[in-house]
Amino acid sequence: MKAKLTEFYFSESMKWISTIALIAGNSILIIYTDYNYFITISLLFIPFLFTSKYEISIDKSTSVIEDTFSTLGIKIKSDRVEFKELQGIRVDKEKQSYTANTRSRVRQVTFNEYTATLEYDGDKVLELSRNSDYEEFAAYVYPFAEQLDLGIRKTY
C-alpha cells in the first residue's frame, strides 16, 4: 500500500498574485522598453510557481519513505529512508506570536501553528505538514493517516 502527501511550496494566493504582477509588469515593459530577454526570463518563473511541491510517499509493502522536492516535473532533491515499523502520526499545536508594526500603531499578532510528525522505528521522526489553518491542515493529514491505517495522537 502506497500513500502520498503533496504540499505545494507556494500558497495559492501567492501563485496568482505573482502571476498577475509578472504579466502586468511585463506588459508595461513590452509597451515602453526593449527588454525582451528580461520578459522571457520573468515569464519562465510562472510555471516554477505552479509546479514547485514537496511530496512524501510512504510504501508500506516495501517499507520505504521517499521525501521529494520537485519543480517543473523534475526531482530536485529526494531522500529515501527504509523503516521497520510506523508508530503513528503526532499532531502538535504551538502558539506563535509576532509584533506587527505600522505607521500608526504596534500590534501583537498571535496564532496557532499545527505540525504533523510521522513517528517510526521507535525514536525516528519525519515532519509531514505544518500549517496555521487547522481545516486546511486536517484536509491533508487525516486522509493521509487513513491511507496508511495509522492513528493520530494529539499532544494538546
Protein backbone atom coordinates (compact mmCIF):
# COMPACT_ATOMS: atom_id res chain seq x y z
CA MET A 1 0.00 0.00 0.00
CA LYS A 2 1.41 3.37 -1.03
CA ALA A 3 0.27 6.75 0.29
CA LYS A 4 1.31 10.22 -0.90
CA LEU A 5 1.13 13.60 0.80
CA THR A 6 1.70 16.51 -1.57
CA GLU A 7 2.07 20.13 -0.50
CA PHE A 8 2.80 22.93 -2.90
CA TYR A 9 5.71 25.19 -2.00
CA PHE A 10 3.87 28.44 -2.78
CA SER A 11 0.38 29.26 -1.50
CA GLU A 12 -2.49 29.68 -3.95
CA SER A 13 -2.73 33.41 -3.27
CA MET A 14 0.98 33.91 -3.83
CA LYS A 15 0.85 31.95 -7.10
CA TRP A 16 -1.95 34.06 -8.56
CA ILE A 17 -0.80 37.44 -7.23
CA SER A 18 2.73 36.82 -8.53
CA THR A 19 1.40 35.69 -11.91
CA ILE A 20 -0.78 38.78 -12.29
CA ALA A 21 2.07 41.05 -11.18
CA LEU A 22 4.51 39.41 -13.63
CA ILE A 23 2.10 39.66 -16.54
CA ALA A 24 1.20 43.28 -15.74
CA GLY A 25 4.85 44.25 -15.27
CA ASN A 26 5.86 42.53 -18.49
CA SER A 27 3.04 44.25 -20.37
CA ILE A 28 4.45 47.61 -19.31
CA LEU A 29 7.95 46.50 -20.32
CA ILE A 30 6.70 45.40 -23.76
CA ILE A 31 5.00 48.74 -24.36
CA TYR A 32 7.75 51.05 -23.13
CA THR A 33 11.08 49.20 -23.48
CA ASP A 34 13.02 46.62 -25.46
CA TYR A 35 13.92 44.26 -22.59
CA ASN A 36 12.78 41.09 -24.34
CA TYR A 37 15.32 38.86 -22.56
CA PHE A 38 14.10 40.07 -19.15
CA ILE A 39 10.48 39.48 -20.17
CA THR A 40 11.23 35.94 -21.30
CA ILE A 41 13.11 35.09 -18.10
CA SER A 42 10.41 36.51 -15.84
CA LEU A 43 7.64 34.63 -17.68
CA LEU A 44 9.56 31.38 -17.14
CA PHE A 45 9.14 31.97 -13.42
CA ILE A 46 5.34 31.40 -13.64
CA PRO A 47 5.50 27.61 -14.27
CA PHE A 48 8.02 27.39 -11.43
CA LEU A 49 5.43 28.96 -9.09
CA PHE A 50 2.72 26.47 -10.01
CA THR A 51 4.78 23.26 -10.09
CA SER A 52 7.10 23.53 -7.05
CA LYS A 53 6.00 21.00 -4.46
CA TYR A 54 7.02 18.71 -1.63
CA GLU A 55 5.90 15.11 -1.81
CA ILE A 56 6.18 12.48 0.88
CA SER A 57 5.47 8.96 -0.32
CA ILE A 58 5.25 6.03 2.07
CA ASP A 59 5.11 2.48 0.74
CA LYS A 60 4.22 0.02 3.49
CA SER A 61 4.77 -3.03 1.28
CA THR A 62 8.45 -2.18 0.62
CA SER A 63 8.95 -0.25 3.91
CA VAL A 64 10.27 2.87 2.18
CA ILE A 65 9.70 6.57 2.83
CA GLU A 66 10.56 8.91 -0.05
CA ASP A 67 10.75 12.64 0.66
CA THR A 68 10.99 14.68 -2.57
CA PHE A 69 11.10 18.31 -3.67
CA SER A 70 10.34 18.85 -7.35
CA THR A 71 9.67 21.70 -9.74
CA LEU A 72 8.68 21.67 -13.40
CA GLY A 73 8.28 17.88 -13.05
CA ILE A 74 12.00 17.45 -12.22
CA LYS A 75 13.07 15.99 -8.88
CA ILE A 76 15.46 18.50 -7.35
CA LYS A 77 16.08 16.71 -4.06
CA SER A 78 14.99 13.27 -2.98
CA ASP A 79 15.67 11.38 0.24
CA ARG A 80 14.86 7.71 0.59
CA VAL A 81 14.63 6.05 4.01
CA GLU A 82 13.80 2.47 4.92
CA PHE A 83 11.76 1.78 8.04
CA LYS A 84 10.79 -1.24 10.10
CA GLU A 85 7.62 -0.01 11.78
CA LEU A 86 5.36 3.02 11.62
CA GLN A 87 4.10 4.03 15.08
CA GLY A 88 1.68 6.78 14.12
CA ILE A 89 1.26 10.48 13.42
CA ARG A 90 1.69 13.06 16.18
CA VAL A 91 -0.11 16.40 15.88
CA ASP A 92 1.33 19.30 17.87
CA LYS A 93 -0.19 22.73 18.40
CA GLU A 94 2.17 25.61 19.10
CA LYS A 95 1.19 29.16 19.87
CA GLN A 96 3.15 31.67 17.79
CA SER A 97 3.25 35.45 18.05
CA TYR A 98 5.00 38.39 16.46
CA THR A 99 4.85 42.17 16.57
CA ALA A 100 3.25 43.88 13.59
CA ASN A 101 4.39 47.48 13.20
CA THR A 102 2.52 50.02 11.11
CA ARG A 103 2.89 53.78 10.90
CA SER A 104 0.02 54.39 13.28
CA ARG A 105 0.32 51.59 15.82
CA VAL A 106 2.09 48.49 17.10
CA ARG A 107 0.09 45.30 17.44
CA GLN A 108 0.83 41.83 18.79
CA VAL A 109 -0.37 39.07 16.41
CA THR A 110 -0.90 35.58 17.83
CA PHE A 111 -1.89 32.39 16.03
CA ASN A 112 -1.69 28.62 16.43
CA GLU A 113 0.58 26.52 14.24
CA TYR A 114 -0.21 22.84 13.76
CA THR A 115 2.53 20.32 12.96
CA ALA A 116 2.05 16.69 11.89
CA THR A 117 5.00 14.41 12.55
CA LEU A 118 5.35 10.79 11.45
CA GLU A 119 6.90 8.61 14.17
CA TYR A 120 8.65 5.43 13.05
CA ASP A 121 11.23 2.87 14.24
CA GLY A 122 10.95 3.88 17.88
CA ASP A 123 12.77 7.21 18.01
CA LYS A 124 12.80 8.50 14.42
CA VAL A 125 10.52 11.28 13.19
CA LEU A 126 9.65 13.00 9.91
CA GLU A 127 7.70 16.25 9.70
CA LEU A 128 4.77 15.78 7.34
CA SER A 129 2.95 19.09 7.36
CA ARG A 130 2.88 22.47 9.08
CA ASN A 131 0.05 24.99 8.82
CA SER A 132 -1.71 27.71 10.79
CA ASP A 133 -5.14 26.93 9.30
CA TYR A 134 -6.47 23.83 11.05
CA GLU A 135 -9.12 22.98 8.42
CA GLU A 136 -6.56 23.03 5.61
CA PHE A 137 -4.11 21.09 7.79
CA ALA A 138 -6.69 18.43 8.65
CA ALA A 139 -7.71 18.08 4.98
CA TYR A 140 -4.15 16.92 4.21
CA VAL A 141 -3.18 14.93 7.28
CA TYR A 142 -6.27 12.92 8.25
CA PRO A 143 -6.85 11.28 4.81
CA PHE A 144 -3.11 10.51 4.67
CA ALA A 145 -3.32 8.76 8.07
CA GLU A 146 -6.35 6.77 6.88
CA GLN A 147 -4.49 5.61 3.75
CA LEU A 148 -1.67 4.28 5.93
CA ASP A 149 -4.06 2.94 8.58
CA LEU A 150 -2.22 4.92 11.28
CA GLY A 151 -3.57 6.50 14.41
CA ILE A 152 -3.26 10.23 15.10
CA ARG A 153 -2.10 11.32 18.55
CA LYS A 154 -2.82 14.93 19.52
CA THR A 155 -0.44 16.40 22.11
CA TYR A 156 -2.63 19.37 23.02
